C-alpha atoms as a PDB file:
ATOM      1  CA  MET A   1      11.120  10.327  -0.958  1.00  0.00           C
ATOM      2  CA  THR A   2       9.403  12.173   1.875  1.00  0.00           C
ATOM      3  CA  PRO A   3       6.177  10.929   3.482  1.00  0.00           C
ATOM      4  CA  GLY A   4       4.260  13.680   1.636  1.00  0.00           C
ATOM      5  CA  GLU A   5       5.776  12.711  -1.705  1.00  0.00           C
ATOM      6  CA  LEU A   6       4.916   9.052  -1.137  1.00  0.00           C
ATOM      7  CA  PHE A   7       1.352  10.017  -0.176  1.00  0.00           C
ATOM      8  CA  ALA A   8       0.980  12.040  -3.383  1.00  0.00           C
ATOM      9  CA  ALA A   9       2.514   9.282  -5.525  1.00  0.00           C
ATOM     10  CA  LEU A  10       0.090   6.620  -4.243  1.00  0.00           C
ATOM     11  CA  ASP A  11      -3.206   8.360  -3.449  1.00  0.00           C
ATOM     12  CA  GLY A  12      -5.746   7.928  -6.238  1.00  0.00           C
ATOM     13  CA  ARG A  13      -3.533   5.562  -8.196  1.00  0.00           C
ATOM     14  CA  GLU A  14      -4.881   2.412  -9.841  1.00  0.00           C
ATOM     15  CA  LEU A  15      -3.447  -0.998  -9.072  1.00  0.00           C
ATOM     16  CA  ASN A  16      -4.139  -3.720 -11.644  1.00  0.00           C
ATOM     17  CA  PRO A  17      -2.875  -7.089 -10.465  1.00  0.00           C
ATOM     18  CA  GLY A  18      -4.037  -9.689 -12.949  1.00  0.00           C
ATOM     19  CA  SER A  19      -7.571  -9.002 -14.135  1.00  0.00           C
ATOM     20  CA  ASP A  20      -8.571  -7.096 -10.971  1.00  0.00           C
ATOM     21  CA  ARG A  21      -8.608  -3.319 -10.590  1.00  0.00           C
ATOM     22  CA  PHE A  22      -8.171  -1.458  -7.315  1.00  0.00           C
ATOM     23  CA  LEU A  23      -8.090   2.236  -6.503  1.00  0.00           C
ATOM     24  CA  ILE A  24      -5.647   3.245  -3.753  1.00  0.00           C
ATOM     25  CA  GLU A  25      -6.833   5.687  -1.104  1.00  0.00           C
ATOM     26  CA  VAL A  26      -4.038   6.752   1.251  1.00  0.00           C
ATOM     27  CA  PHE A  27      -4.994   7.857   4.767  1.00  0.00           C
ATOM     28  CA  SER A  28      -1.547   8.558   6.196  1.00  0.00           C
ATOM     29  CA  VAL A  29       2.189   8.083   5.756  1.00  0.00           C
ATOM     30  CA  SER A  30       4.328   8.377   8.873  1.00  0.00           C
ATOM     31  CA  ASP A  31       7.886   7.655   9.926  1.00  0.00           C
ATOM     32  CA  GLN A  32       8.565   6.043  13.262  1.00  0.00           C
ATOM     33  CA  ALA A  33      11.773   4.504  14.652  1.00  0.00           C
ATOM     34  CA  GLY A  34      13.434   4.180  11.250  1.00  0.00           C
ATOM     35  CA  GLN A  35      10.415   2.644   9.549  1.00  0.00           C
ATOM     36  CA  ARG A  36       7.693   4.124   7.393  1.00  0.00           C
ATOM     37  CA  TRP A  37       4.049   3.163   7.826  1.00  0.00           C
ATOM     38  CA  VAL A  38       1.410   3.697   5.139  1.00  0.00           C
ATOM     39  CA  GLN A  39      -2.271   3.360   6.011  1.00  0.00           C
ATOM     40  CA  LEU A  40      -4.454   2.883   2.949  1.00  0.00           C
ATOM     41  CA  ALA A  41      -7.522   1.315   1.436  1.00  0.00           C
ATOM     42  CA  LEU A  42      -7.769  -0.739  -1.730  1.00  0.00           C
ATOM     43  CA  GLU A  43     -11.172  -0.195  -3.315  1.00  0.00           C
ATOM     44  CA  GLY A  44     -12.123  -2.951  -5.743  1.00  0.00           C
ATOM     45  CA  ALA A  45     -15.296  -3.683  -7.681  1.00  0.00           C
ATOM     46  CA  GLU A  46     -16.486  -6.092  -5.010  1.00  0.00           C
ATOM     47  CA  SER A  47     -14.386  -5.342  -1.945  1.00  0.00           C
ATOM     48  CA  ARG A  48     -12.685  -2.697   0.148  1.00  0.00           C
ATOM     49  CA  ARG A  49      -9.555  -3.637   2.068  1.00  0.00           C
ATOM     50  CA  LEU A  50      -8.017  -1.514   4.803  1.00  0.00           C
ATOM     51  CA  LEU A  51      -4.285  -2.111   5.063  1.00  0.00           C
ATOM     52  CA  THR A  52      -1.137  -0.928   6.756  1.00  0.00           C
ATOM     53  CA  VAL A  53       2.160  -1.320   4.911  1.00  0.00           C
ATOM     54  CA  ARG A  54       5.535  -1.319   6.676  1.00  0.00           C
ATOM     55  CA  LEU A  55       8.460   0.092   4.663  1.00  0.00           C
ATOM     56  CA  LYS A  56      12.010   1.290   5.001  1.00  0.00           C
ATOM     57  CA  THR A  57      12.130   5.087   4.889  1.00  0.00           C
ATOM     58  CA  GLY A  58      13.823   5.069   1.471  1.00  0.00           C
ATOM     59  CA  ASP A  59      11.327   2.751  -0.254  1.00  0.00           C
ATOM     60  CA  SER A  60       9.588   4.105  -3.350  1.00  0.00           C
ATOM     61  CA  ALA A  61       5.964   4.172  -4.460  1.00  0.00           C
ATOM     62  CA  GLN A  62       6.849   1.450  -6.975  1.00  0.00           C
ATOM     63  CA  HIS A  63       7.994  -0.750  -4.083  1.00  0.00           C
ATOM     64  CA  VAL A  64       4.633  -0.247  -2.358  1.00  0.00           C
ATOM     65  CA  LEU A  65       2.779  -1.186  -5.559  1.00  0.00           C
ATOM     66  CA  LEU A  66       4.851  -4.374  -5.857  1.00  0.00           C
ATOM     67  CA  LEU A  67       4.163  -5.272  -2.208  1.00  0.00           C
ATOM     68  CA  LEU A  68       0.424  -4.706  -2.616  1.00  0.00           C
ATOM     69  CA  SER A  69       0.270  -6.742  -5.834  1.00  0.00           C
ATOM     70  CA  SER A  70       2.186  -9.565  -4.166  1.00  0.00           C
ATOM     71  CA  TRP A  71      -0.092  -9.435  -1.117  1.00  0.00           C
ATOM     72  CA  LEU A  72      -3.222  -9.583  -3.291  1.00  0.00           C
ATOM     73  CA  ARG A  73      -1.890 -12.735  -4.971  1.00  0.00           C
ATOM     74  CA  ASP A  74      -0.793 -14.353  -1.672  1.00  0.00           C
ATOM     75  CA  PRO A  75      -1.725 -12.566   1.582  1.00  0.00           C
ATOM     76  CA  ALA A  76       0.432 -14.943   3.651  1.00  0.00           C
ATOM     77  CA  GLY A  77       3.442 -14.394   1.393  1.00  0.00           C
ATOM     78  CA  THR A  78       4.541 -11.005   2.735  1.00  0.00           C
ATOM     79  CA  THR A  79       5.266  -9.741   6.228  1.00  0.00           C
ATOM     80  CA  GLU A  80       5.099  -6.061   5.241  1.00  0.00           C
ATOM     81  CA  VAL A  81       1.352  -5.767   4.564  1.00  0.00           C
ATOM     82  CA  PHE A  82      -1.190  -6.009   7.379  1.00  0.00           C
ATOM     83  CA  ASN A  83      -4.934  -6.359   6.848  1.00  0.00           C
ATOM     84  CA  VAL A  84      -6.501  -4.158   9.525  1.00  0.00           C
ATOM     85  CA  ALA A  85     -10.174  -4.625   8.721  1.00  0.00           C
END
């Protein structure tokens, strides 16, 4: 999956972990030194979170959704998602 394909697969998508609902807004997807970085926002009913996600270049959109859901349940439980604001 190219950076553009990952961008298209995630941008505007809904994430529904538990009873919460978030809309994903992707700002950029870039590859650097064998890793992929995704900058995005999660827009919820009561909050907006700006995040950066670190991936392997072959990781899928589904993998990103799983990481984000896991992070929302336990922010300290993953080392791939960074809260930037």
